[in-house]
PDB file of N, CA and C in Angstrom:
ATOM      1  N   MET A   1      84.427 -27.026 -45.799  1.00  0.00           N
ATOM      2  CA  MET A   1      85.196 -26.911 -47.027  1.00  0.00           C
ATOM      3  C   MET A   1      84.297 -26.428 -48.144  1.00  0.00           C
ATOM      4  N   SER A   2      84.521 -25.243 -48.608  1.00  0.00           N
ATOM      5  CA  SER A   2      83.687 -24.732 -49.692  1.00  0.00           C
ATOM      6  C   SER A   2      84.434 -24.681 -51.013  1.00  0.00           C
ATOM      7  N   ASP A   3      85.609 -25.277 -51.046  1.00  0.00           N
ATOM      8  CA  ASP A   3      86.406 -25.322 -52.263  1.00  0.00           C
ATOM      9  C   ASP A   3      85.669 -26.088 -53.355  1.00  0.00           C
ATOM     10  N   ASP A   4      85.614 -25.532 -54.564  1.00  0.00           N
ATOM     11  CA  ASP A   4      84.915 -26.174 -55.679  1.00  0.00           C
ATOM     12  C   ASP A   4      85.433 -27.572 -55.972  1.00  0.00           C
ATOM     13  N   ALA A   5      86.696 -27.832 -55.717  1.00  0.00           N
ATOM     14  CA  ALA A   5      87.279 -29.132 -56.021  1.00  0.00           C
ATOM     15  C   ALA A   5      86.716 -30.225 -55.116  1.00  0.00           C
ATOM     16  N   THR A   6      86.153 -29.838 -53.968  1.00  0.00           N
ATOM     17  CA  THR A   6      85.639 -30.840 -53.044  1.00  0.00           C
ATOM     18  C   THR A   6      84.148 -31.059 -53.195  1.00  0.00           C
ATOM     19  N   LYS A   7      83.467 -30.304 -54.035  1.00  0.00           N
ATOM     20  CA  LYS A   7      82.029 -30.463 -54.233  1.00  0.00           C
ATOM     21  C   LYS A   7      81.741 -31.721 -55.021  1.00  0.00           C
ATOM     22  N   PHE A   8      80.636 -32.368 -54.673  1.00  0.00           N
ATOM     23  CA  PHE A   8      80.231 -33.582 -55.357  1.00  0.00           C
ATOM     24  C   PHE A   8      79.029 -33.266 -56.221  1.00  0.00           C
ATOM     25  N   ASP A   9      79.068 -33.659 -57.463  1.00  0.00           N
ATOM     26  CA  ASP A   9      77.954 -33.469 -58.381  1.00  0.00           C
ATOM     27  C   ASP A   9      77.098 -34.721 -58.327  1.00  0.00           C
ATOM     28  N   SER A  10      75.935 -34.625 -57.699  1.00  0.00           N
ATOM     29  CA  SER A  10      75.082 -35.796 -57.524  1.00  0.00           C
ATOM     30  C   SER A  10      74.485 -36.286 -58.824  1.00  0.00           C
ATOM     31  N   SER A  11      74.613 -35.519 -59.894  1.00  0.00           N
ATOM     32  CA  SER A  11      74.060 -35.942 -61.181  1.00  0.00           C
ATOM     33  C   SER A  11      75.004 -36.879 -61.928  1.00  0.00           C
ATOM     34  N   THR A  12      76.228 -37.030 -61.431  1.00  0.00           N
ATOM     35  CA  THR A  12      77.175 -37.912 -62.118  1.00  0.00           C
ATOM     36  C   THR A  12      76.873 -39.354 -61.792  1.00  0.00           C
ATOM     37  N   SER A  13      77.148 -40.222 -62.711  1.00  0.00           N
ATOM     38  CA  SER A  13      76.898 -41.643 -62.552  1.00  0.00           C
ATOM     39  C   SER A  13      77.929 -42.263 -61.626  1.00  0.00           C
ATOM     40  N   GLN A  14      77.523 -43.260 -60.878  1.00  0.00           N
ATOM     41  CA  GLN A  14      78.429 -43.989 -60.010  1.00  0.00           C
ATOM     42  C   GLN A  14      78.940 -45.253 -60.689  1.00  0.00           C
ATOM     43  N   GLU A  15      78.676 -45.422 -61.973  1.00  0.00           N
ATOM     44  CA  GLU A  15      79.132 -46.571 -62.737  1.00  0.00           C
ATOM     45  C   GLU A  15      80.652 -46.512 -62.893  1.00  0.00           C
ATOM     46  N   PRO A  16      81.323 -47.658 -62.929  1.00  0.00           N
ATOM     47  CA  PRO A  16      82.777 -47.650 -63.170  1.00  0.00           C
ATOM     48  C   PRO A  16      83.098 -46.980 -64.491  1.00  0.00           C
ATOM     49  N   ALA A  17      84.222 -46.316 -64.526  1.00  0.00           N
ATOM     50  CA  ALA A  17      84.616 -45.560 -65.718  1.00  0.00           C
ATOM     51  C   ALA A  17      85.024 -46.462 -66.864  1.00  0.00           C
ATOM     52  N   GLY A  18      85.346 -47.716 -66.585  1.00  0.00           N
ATOM     53  CA  GLY A  18      85.791 -48.620 -67.637  1.00  0.00           C
ATOM     54  C   GLY A  18      87.274 -48.462 -67.870  1.00  0.00           C
ATOM     55  N   PRO A  19      87.797 -49.185 -68.880  1.00  0.00           N
ATOM     56  CA  PRO A  19      89.233 -49.113 -69.132  1.00  0.00           C
ATOM     57  C   PRO A  19      89.640 -47.724 -69.614  1.00  0.00           C
ATOM     58  N   PRO A  20      90.859 -47.309 -69.292  1.00  0.00           N
ATOM     59  CA  PRO A  20      91.306 -45.984 -69.726  1.00  0.00           C
ATOM     60  C   PRO A  20      91.442 -45.934 -71.239  1.00  0.00           C
ATOM     61  N   LYS A  21      91.242 -44.736 -71.775  1.00  0.00           N
ATOM     62  CA  LYS A  21      91.436 -44.533 -73.207  1.00  0.00           C
ATOM     63  C   LYS A  21      92.923 -44.674 -73.508  1.00  0.00           C
ATOM     64  N   ILE A  22      93.234 -45.505 -74.489  1.00  0.00           N
ATOM     65  CA  ILE A  22      94.632 -45.745 -74.831  1.00  0.00           C
ATOM     66  C   ILE A  22      95.002 -44.890 -76.030  1.00  0.00           C
ATOM     67  N   SER A  23      96.039 -44.096 -75.864  1.00  0.00           N
ATOM     68  CA  SER A  23      96.525 -43.259 -76.957  1.00  0.00           C
ATOM     69  C   SER A  23      97.968 -43.644 -77.257  1.00  0.00           C
ATOM     70  N   PRO A  24      98.453 -43.240 -78.406  1.00  0.00           N
ATOM     71  CA  PRO A  24      99.833 -43.595 -78.752  1.00  0.00           C
ATOM     72  C   PRO A  24     100.826 -42.905 -77.817  1.00  0.00           C
ATOM     73  N   PRO A  25     102.006 -43.489 -77.646  1.00  0.00           N
ATOM     74  CA  PRO A  25     103.025 -42.857 -76.799  1.00  0.00           C
ATOM     75  C   PRO A  25     103.399 -41.477 -77.344  1.00  0.00           C
ATOM     76  N   PRO A  26     103.791 -40.563 -76.468  1.00  0.00           N
ATOM     77  CA  PRO A  26     104.172 -39.223 -76.927  1.00  0.00           C
ATOM     78  C   PRO A  26     105.455 -39.269 -77.755  1.00  0.00           C
ATOM     79  N   LYS A  27     105.578 -38.292 -78.650  1.00  0.00           N
ATOM     80  CA  LYS A  27     106.779 -38.195 -79.482  1.00  0.00           C
ATOM     81  C   LYS A  27     107.258 -36.749 -79.510  1.00  0.00           C
ATOM     82  N   SER A  28     108.474 -36.532 -79.949  1.00  0.00           N
ATOM     83  CA  SER A  28     109.066 -35.190 -79.997  1.00  0.00           C
ATOM     84  C   SER A  28     108.137 -34.217 -80.696  1.00  0.00           C
ATOM     85  N   GLY A  29     107.971 -33.059 -80.069  1.00  0.00           N
ATOM     86  CA  GLY A  29     107.141 -32.009 -80.641  1.00  0.00           C
ATOM     87  C   GLY A  29     105.702 -32.016 -80.143  1.00  0.00           C
ATOM     88  N   ASP A  30     105.227 -33.138 -79.614  1.00  0.00           N
ATOM     89  CA  ASP A  30     103.867 -33.187 -79.071  1.00  0.00           C
ATOM     90  C   ASP A  30     103.754 -32.230 -77.894  1.00  0.00           C
ATOM     91  N   VAL A  31     102.593 -31.597 -77.745  1.00  0.00           N
ATOM     92  CA  VAL A  31     102.315 -30.760 -76.579  1.00  0.00           C
ATOM     93  C   VAL A  31     101.207 -31.459 -75.798  1.00  0.00           C
ATOM     94  N   LEU A  32     101.500 -31.759 -74.549  1.00  0.00           N
ATOM     95  CA  LEU A  32     100.559 -32.481 -73.699  1.00  0.00           C
ATOM     96  C   LEU A  32      99.953 -31.557 -72.662  1.00  0.00           C
ATOM     97  N   ALA A  33      98.663 -31.720 -72.429  1.00  0.00           N
ATOM     98  CA  ALA A  33      97.930 -30.937 -71.431  1.00  0.00           C
ATOM     99  C   ALA A  33      98.094 -29.435 -71.668  1.00  0.00           C
ATOM    100  N   GLY A  34      98.424 -29.064 -72.880  1.00  0.00           N
ATOM    101  CA  GLY A  34      98.568 -27.659 -73.223  1.00  0.00           C
ATOM    102  C   GLY A  34      99.770 -26.972 -72.602  1.00  0.00           C
ATOM    103  N   LYS A  35     100.646 -27.760 -71.924  1.00  0.00           N
ATOM    104  CA  LYS A  35     101.761 -27.084 -71.269  1.00  0.00           C
ATOM    105  C   LYS A  35     103.099 -27.804 -71.296  1.00  0.00           C
ATOM    106  N   TYR A  36     103.150 -29.049 -71.739  1.00  0.00           N
ATOM    107  CA  TYR A  36     104.423 -29.772 -71.794  1.00  0.00           C
ATOM    108  C   TYR A  36     104.756 -30.128 -73.238  1.00  0.00           C
ATOM    109  N   ARG A  37     105.866 -29.603 -73.752  1.00  0.00           N
ATOM    110  CA  ARG A  37     106.318 -29.962 -75.103  1.00  0.00           C
ATOM    111  C   ARG A  37     107.373 -31.052 -74.969  1.00  0.00           C
ATOM    112  N   ILE A  38     107.104 -32.183 -75.603  1.00  0.00           N
ATOM    113  CA  ILE A  38     108.025 -33.315 -75.548  1.00  0.00           C
ATOM    114  C   ILE A  38     109.264 -32.984 -76.367  1.00  0.00           C
ATOM    115  N   GLU A  39     110.421 -33.164 -75.753  1.00  0.00           N
ATOM    116  CA  GLU A  39     111.687 -32.906 -76.440  1.00  0.00           C
ATOM    117  C   GLU A  39     112.272 -34.200 -77.015  1.00  0.00           C
ATOM    118  N   ARG A  40     112.384 -35.226 -76.159  1.00  0.00           N
ATOM    119  CA  ARG A  40     112.947 -36.497 -76.636  1.00  0.00           C
ATOM    120  C   ARG A  40     112.658 -37.600 -75.630  1.00  0.00           C
ATOM    121  N   VAL A  41     112.746 -38.821 -76.105  1.00  0.00           N
ATOM    122  CA  VAL A  41     112.592 -39.988 -75.242  1.00  0.00           C
ATOM    123  C   VAL A  41     113.919 -40.222 -74.535  1.00  0.00           C
ATOM    124  N   LEU A  42     113.867 -40.347 -73.212  1.00  0.00           N
ATOM    125  CA  LEU A  42     115.075 -40.604 -72.429  1.00  0.00           C
ATOM    126  C   LEU A  42     115.315 -42.093 -72.240  1.00  0.00           C
ATOM    127  N   GLY A  43     114.227 -42.851 -72.156  1.00  0.00           N
ATOM    128  CA  GLY A  43     114.373 -44.289 -71.964  1.00  0.00           C
ATOM    129  C   GLY A  43     113.033 -44.987 -72.049  1.00  0.00           C
ATOM    130  N   GLU A  44     113.096 -46.280 -72.314  1.00  0.00           N
ATOM    131  CA  GLU A  44     111.875 -47.077 -72.398  1.00  0.00           C
ATOM    132  C   GLU A  44     112.154 -48.447 -71.807  1.00  0.00           C
ATOM    133  N   GLY A  45     111.210 -48.929 -71.008  1.00  0.00           N
ATOM    134  CA  GLY A  45     111.334 -50.244 -70.398  1.00  0.00           C
ATOM    135  C   GLY A  45     110.147 -51.107 -70.775  1.00  0.00           C
ATOM    136  N   GLY A  46     109.954 -52.169 -70.029  1.00  0.00           N
ATOM    137  CA  GLY A  46     108.885 -53.096 -70.326  1.00  0.00           C
ATOM    138  C   GLY A  46     107.500 -52.534 -70.094  1.00  0.00           C
ATOM    139  N   MET A  47     107.374 -51.592 -69.152  1.00  0.00           N
ATOM    140  CA  MET A  47     106.059 -51.046 -68.820  1.00  0.00           C
ATOM    141  C   MET A  47     105.862 -49.598 -69.244  1.00  0.00           C
ATOM    142  N   GLY A  48     106.931 -48.851 -69.354  1.00  0.00           N
ATOM    143  CA  GLY A  48     106.742 -47.425 -69.583  1.00  0.00           C
ATOM    144  C   GLY A  48     107.908 -46.772 -70.278  1.00  0.00           C
ATOM    145  N   MET A  49     107.761 -45.481 -70.432  1.00  0.00           N
ATOM    146  CA  MET A  49     108.821 -44.678 -71.045  1.00  0.00           C
ATOM    147  C   MET A  49     108.928 -43.365 -70.290  1.00  0.00           C
ATOM    148  N   VAL A  50     110.118 -42.788 -70.315  1.00  0.00           N
ATOM    149  CA  VAL A  50     110.379 -41.493 -69.694  1.00  0.00           C
ATOM    150  C   VAL A  50     110.838 -40.550 -70.789  1.00  0.00           C
ATOM    151  N   VAL A  51     110.242 -39.350 -70.795  1.00  0.00           N
ATOM    152  CA  VAL A  51     110.592 -38.367 -71.814  1.00  0.00           C
ATOM    153  C   VAL A  51     111.068 -37.084 -71.149  1.00  0.00           C
ATOM    154  N   SER A  52     111.898 -36.368 -71.857  1.00  0.00           N
ATOM    155  CA  SER A  52     112.303 -35.027 -71.471  1.00  0.00           C
ATOM    156  C   SER A  52     111.303 -34.078 -72.119  1.00  0.00           C
ATOM    157  N   ALA A  53     110.823 -33.112 -71.331  1.00  0.00           N
ATOM    158  CA  ALA A  53     109.842 -32.165 -71.858  1.00  0.00           C
ATOM    159  C   ALA A  53     110.141 -30.780 -71.307  1.00  0.00           C
ATOM    160  N   THR A  54     109.576 -29.787 -71.949  1.00  0.00           N
ATOM    161  CA  THR A  54     109.685 -28.407 -71.483  1.00  0.00           C
ATOM    162  C   THR A  54     108.319 -27.940 -71.017  1.00  0.00           C
ATOM    163  N   HIS A  55     108.255 -27.438 -69.772  1.00  0.00           N
ATOM    164  CA  HIS A  55     107.029 -26.815 -69.282  1.00  0.00           C
ATOM    165  C   HIS A  55     106.981 -25.447 -69.956  1.00  0.00           C
ATOM    166  N   LEU A  56     106.014 -25.248 -70.825  1.00  0.00           N
ATOM    167  CA  LEU A  56     105.997 -24.063 -71.680  1.00  0.00           C
ATOM    168  C   LEU A  56     105.839 -22.762 -70.911  1.00  0.00           C
ATOM    169  N   GLN A  57     105.022 -22.743 -69.854  1.00  0.00           N
ATOM    170  CA  GLN A  57     104.836 -21.511 -69.090  1.00  0.00           C
ATOM    171  C   GLN A  57     106.046 -21.178 -68.234  1.00  0.00           C
ATOM    172  N   LEU A  58     106.587 -22.197 -67.582  1.00  0.00           N
ATOM    173  CA  LEU A  58     107.712 -21.976 -66.665  1.00  0.00           C
ATOM    174  C   LEU A  58     109.060 -21.991 -67.369  1.00  0.00           C
ATOM    175  N   ARG A  59     109.078 -22.484 -68.614  1.00  0.00           N
ATOM    176  CA  ARG A  59     110.314 -22.625 -69.383  1.00  0.00           C
ATOM    177  C   ARG A  59     111.348 -23.453 -68.623  1.00  0.00           C
ATOM    178  N   GLN A  60     110.875 -24.549 -68.029  1.00  0.00           N
ATOM    179  CA  GLN A  60     111.752 -25.447 -67.284  1.00  0.00           C
ATOM    180  C   GLN A  60     111.681 -26.839 -67.886  1.00  0.00           C
ATOM    181  N   MET A  61     112.796 -27.540 -67.818  1.00  0.00           N
ATOM    182  CA  MET A  61     112.851 -28.921 -68.285  1.00  0.00           C
ATOM    183  C   MET A  61     112.274 -29.823 -67.198  1.00  0.00           C
ATOM    184  N   VAL A  62     111.502 -30.800 -67.617  1.00  0.00           N
ATOM    185  CA  VAL A  62     110.919 -31.772 -66.698  1.00  0.00           C
ATOM    186  C   VAL A  62     111.067 -33.164 -67.308  1.00  0.00           C
ATOM    187  N   ALA A  63     110.887 -34.167 -66.492  1.00  0.00           N
ATOM    188  CA  ALA A  63     110.839 -35.548 -66.977  1.00  0.00           C
ATOM    189  C   ALA A  63     109.433 -36.058 -66.718  1.00  0.00           C
ATOM    190  N   LEU A  64     108.847 -36.707 -67.707  1.00  0.00           N
ATOM    191  CA  LEU A  64     107.504 -37.263 -67.585  1.00  0.00           C
ATOM    192  C   LEU A  64     107.570 -38.759 -67.842  1.00  0.00           C
ATOM    193  N   LYS A  65     106.847 -39.520 -67.046  1.00  0.00           N
ATOM    194  CA  LYS A  65     106.831 -40.970 -67.189  1.00  0.00           C
ATOM    195  C   LYS A  65     105.445 -41.403 -67.667  1.00  0.00           C
ATOM    196  N   PHE A  66     105.419 -42.305 -68.643  1.00  0.00           N
ATOM    197  CA  PHE A  66     104.175 -42.787 -69.228  1.00  0.00           C
ATOM    198  C   PHE A  66     104.143 -44.299 -69.243  1.00  0.00           C
ATOM    199  N   MET A  67     102.975 -44.854 -69.024  1.00  0.00           N
ATOM    200  CA  MET A  67     102.796 -46.290 -69.190  1.00  0.00           C
ATOM    201  C   MET A  67     102.560 -46.546 -70.667  1.00  0.00           C
ATOM    202  N   LEU A  68     103.191 -47.597 -71.193  1.00  0.00           N
ATOM    203  CA  LEU A  68     103.041 -47.935 -72.602  1.00  0.00           C
ATOM    204  C   LEU A  68     101.646 -48.507 -72.865  1.00  0.00           C
ATOM    205  N   PRO A  69     101.046 -48.138 -73.985  1.00  0.00           N
ATOM    206  CA  PRO A  69      99.690 -48.608 -74.303  1.00  0.00           C
ATOM    207  C   PRO A  69      99.555 -50.131 -74.284  1.00  0.00           C
ATOM    208  N   ARG A  70     100.592 -50.842 -74.664  1.00  0.00           N
ATOM    209  CA  ARG A  70     100.483 -52.298 -74.761  1.00  0.00           C
ATOM    210  C   ARG A  70     100.312 -52.981 -73.409  1.00  0.00           C
ATOM    211  N   VAL A  71     100.584 -52.289 -72.292  1.00  0.00           N
ATOM    212  CA  VAL A  71     100.409 -52.903 -70.978  1.00  0.00           C
ATOM    213  C   VAL A  71      99.241 -52.317 -70.194  1.00  0.00           C
ATOM    214  N   MET A  72      98.520 -51.398 -70.767  1.00  0.00           N
ATOM    215  CA  MET A  72      97.405 -50.756 -70.065  1.00  0.00           C
ATOM    216  C   MET A  72      96.311 -51.745 -69.659  1.00  0.00           C
ATOM    217  N   GLY A  73      96.161 -52.857 -70.369  1.00  0.00           N
ATOM    218  CA  GLY A  73      95.142 -53.839 -70.029  1.00  0.00           C
ATOM    219  C   GLY A  73      95.570 -54.809 -68.942  1.00  0.00           C
ATOM    220  N   ASN A  74      96.812 -54.736 -68.518  1.00  0.00           N
ATOM    221  CA  ASN A  74      97.343 -55.645 -67.493  1.00  0.00           C
ATOM    222  C   ASN A  74      97.185 -54.975 -66.121  1.00  0.00           C
ATOM    223  N   LYS A  75      96.181 -55.443 -65.339  1.00  0.00           N
ATOM    224  CA  LYS A  75      95.891 -54.814 -64.050  1.00  0.00           C
ATOM    225  C   LYS A  75      97.082 -54.841 -63.102  1.00  0.00           C
ATOM    226  N   GLU A  76      97.849 -55.922 -63.115  1.00  0.00           N
ATOM    227  CA  GLU A  76      99.017 -56.022 -62.242  1.00  0.00           C
ATOM    228  C   GLU A  76     100.065 -54.975 -62.617  1.00  0.00           C
ATOM    229  N   ALA A  77     100.306 -54.816 -63.914  1.00  0.00           N
ATOM    230  CA  ALA A  77     101.282 -53.826 -64.370  1.00  0.00           C
ATOM    231  C   ALA A  77     100.823 -52.414 -64.034  1.00  0.00           C
ATOM    232  N   VAL A  78      99.541 -52.154 -64.178  1.00  0.00           N
ATOM    233  CA  VAL A  78      99.009 -50.825 -63.844  1.00  0.00           C
ATOM    234  C   VAL A  78      99.192 -50.552 -62.366  1.00  0.00           C
ATOM    235  N   ALA A  79      98.922 -51.543 -61.519  1.00  0.00           N
ATOM    236  CA  ALA A  79      99.098 -51.377 -60.078  1.00  0.00           C
ATOM    237  C   ALA A  79     100.567 -51.124 -59.721  1.00  0.00           C
ATOM    238  N   ARG A  80     101.480 -51.825 -60.378  1.00  0.00           N
ATOM    239  CA  ARG A  80     102.918 -51.655 -60.109  1.00  0.00           C
ATOM    240  C   ARG A  80     103.412 -50.294 -60.582  1.00  0.00           C
ATOM    241  N   PHE A  81     102.879 -49.815 -61.682  1.00  0.00           N
ATOM    242  CA  PHE A  81     103.305 -48.554 -62.263  1.00  0.00           C
ATOM    243  C   PHE A  81     102.980 -47.415 -61.301  1.00  0.00           C
TER     244      PHE A  81
END
């Protein structure tokens, strides 16, 4: 396998990455990953939210699911999500 995605960089640390960076939930108009524009929130539950978004390159509607920042520290909730 000579694919770049499978190469291992031996200079990287093997230390745990630590807790994920917590950012605010997405809102209408936000552009995520440079390609998804959030249109509206479709629903929100105890652990997460689902939003309607437009894939900007493909011009297609998609649904994206996010874990809410307030539960990111709960290992059980993260595992269930």
